[in-house]
C-alpha atoms as a PDB file:
ATOM      1  CA  MET A   1     -56.766 -94.978 -66.223  1.00  0.00           C
ATOM      2  CA  ILE A   2     -56.064 -92.275 -63.652  1.00  0.00           C
ATOM      3  CA  ASN A   3     -55.321 -88.781 -64.777  1.00  0.00           C
ATOM      4  CA  ASN A   4     -53.149 -87.163 -62.136  1.00  0.00           C
ATOM      5  CA  SER A   5     -52.380 -83.682 -63.435  1.00  0.00           C
ATOM      6  CA  ASN A   6     -51.361 -81.564 -60.503  1.00  0.00           C
ATOM      7  CA  SER A   7     -49.912 -78.249 -61.519  1.00  0.00           C
ATOM      8  CA  ASN A   8     -48.316 -76.313 -58.711  1.00  0.00           C
ATOM      9  CA  VAL A   9     -47.422 -72.766 -59.579  1.00  0.00           C
ATOM     10  CA  ASN A  10     -45.414 -70.705 -57.120  1.00  0.00           C
ATOM     11  CA  ALA A  11     -45.681 -66.997 -57.818  1.00  0.00           C
ATOM     12  CA  ASN A  12     -43.790 -65.572 -54.836  1.00  0.00           C
ATOM     13  CA  THR A  13     -42.405 -62.117 -55.297  1.00  0.00           C
ATOM     14  CA  ASN A  14     -40.086 -60.783 -52.615  1.00  0.00           C
ATOM     15  CA  THR A  15     -39.936 -57.036 -52.220  1.00  0.00           C
ATOM     16  CA  ASN A  16     -37.475 -55.341 -49.911  1.00  0.00           C
ATOM     17  CA  THR A  17     -39.390 -52.772 -47.873  1.00  0.00           C
ATOM     18  CA  ASN A  18     -36.607 -52.124 -45.385  1.00  0.00           C
ATOM     19  CA  THR A  19     -36.784 -48.424 -44.508  1.00  0.00           C
ATOM     20  CA  ASN A  20     -33.627 -48.653 -42.389  1.00  0.00           C
ATOM     21  CA  ALA A  21     -31.380 -49.190 -45.373  1.00  0.00           C
ATOM     22  CA  ALA A  22     -28.308 -46.993 -45.410  1.00  0.00           C
ATOM     23  CA  VAL A  23     -28.597 -43.785 -47.356  1.00  0.00           C
ATOM     24  CA  ALA A  24     -25.823 -43.256 -49.873  1.00  0.00           C
ATOM     25  CA  GLY A  25     -23.202 -41.094 -48.204  1.00  0.00           C
ATOM     26  CA  GLY A  26     -25.124 -40.871 -44.929  1.00  0.00           C
ATOM     27  CA  LYS A  27     -23.856 -41.563 -41.444  1.00  0.00           C
ATOM     28  CA  LEU A  28     -26.004 -43.163 -38.768  1.00  0.00           C
ATOM     29  CA  CYS A  29     -26.172 -40.790 -35.785  1.00  0.00           C
ATOM     30  CA  ASN A  30     -27.760 -41.009 -32.361  1.00  0.00           C
ATOM     31  CA  LYS A  31     -30.236 -38.196 -31.751  1.00  0.00           C
ATOM     32  CA  TRP A  32     -29.345 -37.725 -28.090  1.00  0.00           C
ATOM     33  CA  VAL A  33     -25.586 -37.671 -28.625  1.00  0.00           C
ATOM     34  CA  SER A  34     -26.060 -35.014 -31.275  1.00  0.00           C
ATOM     35  CA  PHE A  35     -28.462 -33.063 -29.042  1.00  0.00           C
ATOM     36  CA  TRP A  36     -26.070 -32.918 -26.073  1.00  0.00           C
ATOM     37  CA  LEU A  37     -23.124 -32.050 -28.304  1.00  0.00           C
ATOM     38  CA  CYS A  38     -25.155 -29.220 -29.807  1.00  0.00           C
ATOM     39  CA  LEU A  39     -26.358 -27.980 -26.430  1.00  0.00           C
ATOM     40  CA  LEU A  40     -22.970 -28.048 -24.701  1.00  0.00           C
ATOM     41  CA  LEU A  41     -20.512 -27.521 -27.558  1.00  0.00           C
ATOM     42  CA  GLY A  42     -22.697 -26.168 -30.356  1.00  0.00           C
ATOM     43  CA  VAL A  43     -20.781 -22.921 -30.722  1.00  0.00           C
ATOM     44  CA  PHE A  44     -17.727 -25.005 -31.600  1.00  0.00           C
ATOM     45  CA  GLY A  45     -19.645 -27.125 -34.132  1.00  0.00           C
ATOM     46  CA  ALA A  46     -19.129 -30.396 -32.254  1.00  0.00           C
ATOM     47  CA  HIS A  47     -22.484 -31.794 -33.388  1.00  0.00           C
ATOM     48  CA  LYS A  48     -21.613 -31.055 -37.027  1.00  0.00           C
ATOM     49  CA  PHE A  49     -18.309 -32.895 -36.714  1.00  0.00           C
ATOM     50  CA  TYR A  50     -20.174 -35.821 -35.096  1.00  0.00           C
ATOM     51  CA  GLU A  51     -22.605 -35.935 -38.042  1.00  0.00           C
ATOM     52  CA  GLY A  52     -19.701 -36.148 -40.469  1.00  0.00           C
ATOM     53  CA  LYS A  53     -19.988 -32.579 -41.773  1.00  0.00           C
ATOM     54  CA  PRO A  54     -16.543 -31.116 -41.112  1.00  0.00           C
ATOM     55  CA  LEU A  55     -16.974 -28.021 -43.314  1.00  0.00           C
ATOM     56  CA  MET A  56     -20.111 -26.987 -41.423  1.00  0.00           C
ATOM     57  CA  GLY A  57     -18.254 -27.721 -38.193  1.00  0.00           C
ATOM     58  CA  ILE A  58     -15.453 -25.360 -39.197  1.00  0.00           C
ATOM     59  CA  LEU A  59     -18.010 -22.712 -40.184  1.00  0.00           C
ATOM     60  CA  TYR A  60     -19.696 -23.007 -36.760  1.00  0.00           C
ATOM     61  CA  LEU A  61     -16.280 -22.896 -35.105  1.00  0.00           C
ATOM     62  CA  CYS A  62     -15.325 -19.664 -36.889  1.00  0.00           C
ATOM     63  CA  THR A  63     -18.684 -17.913 -36.411  1.00  0.00           C
ATOM     64  CA  MET A  64     -19.487 -19.003 -32.830  1.00  0.00           C
ATOM     65  CA  GLY A  65     -22.314 -21.236 -33.967  1.00  0.00           C
ATOM     66  CA  LEU A  66     -23.491 -18.706 -36.547  1.00  0.00           C
ATOM     67  CA  ALA A  67     -23.922 -16.183 -33.721  1.00  0.00           C
ATOM     68  CA  PHE A  68     -25.818 -18.713 -31.561  1.00  0.00           C
ATOM     69  CA  VAL A  69     -28.823 -18.591 -33.914  1.00  0.00           C
ATOM     70  CA  GLY A  70     -27.624 -21.659 -35.799  1.00  0.00           C
ATOM     71  CA  VAL A  71     -27.239 -23.581 -32.540  1.00  0.00           C
ATOM     72  CA  VAL A  72     -30.820 -22.844 -31.485  1.00  0.00           C
ATOM     73  CA  ILE A  73     -32.163 -23.846 -34.898  1.00  0.00           C
ATOM     74  CA  ASP A  74     -30.103 -27.038 -34.839  1.00  0.00           C
ATOM     75  CA  LEU A  75     -31.353 -27.941 -31.344  1.00  0.00           C
ATOM     76  CA  ILE A  76     -34.959 -27.702 -32.533  1.00  0.00           C
ATOM     77  CA  ALA A  77     -34.181 -29.638 -35.716  1.00  0.00           C
ATOM     78  CA  ILE A  78     -32.393 -32.399 -33.808  1.00  0.00           C
ATOM     79  CA  LEU A  79     -35.320 -32.807 -31.411  1.00  0.00           C
ATOM     80  CA  ALA A  80     -37.648 -33.255 -34.387  1.00  0.00           C
ATOM     81  CA  LYS A  81     -35.562 -36.105 -35.841  1.00  0.00           C
ATOM     82  CA  ARG A  82     -36.029 -39.822 -35.276  1.00  0.00           C
ATOM     83  CA  ASN A  83     -33.545 -41.821 -33.277  1.00  0.00           C
ATOM     84  CA  PRO A  84     -31.259 -42.960 -34.893  1.00  0.00           C
ATOM     85  CA  TYR A  85     -31.127 -40.782 -37.985  1.00  0.00           C
ATOM     86  CA  TYR A  86     -28.965 -40.516 -41.086  1.00  0.00           C
ATOM     87  CA  ALA A  87     -26.976 -37.330 -41.503  1.00  0.00           C
END
């Protein structure tokens, strides 16, 4: 008499560790497109419109880029971001 008692147990657990998943309400933006828009047309808020933030774009448009100070701050912030980034 042969006792053949093989017990195969599969305990696979799949975990999604995808860090590139879309953020709720976020828009995928290219760092360099945003940088050049900010550098060349920042006082008009072009980079804010590109990021999908039309109210901030209108604010920059009406205040000349928050008196150019906002443009400089945004240029530094954009350079510090990864490419691509979610706005």
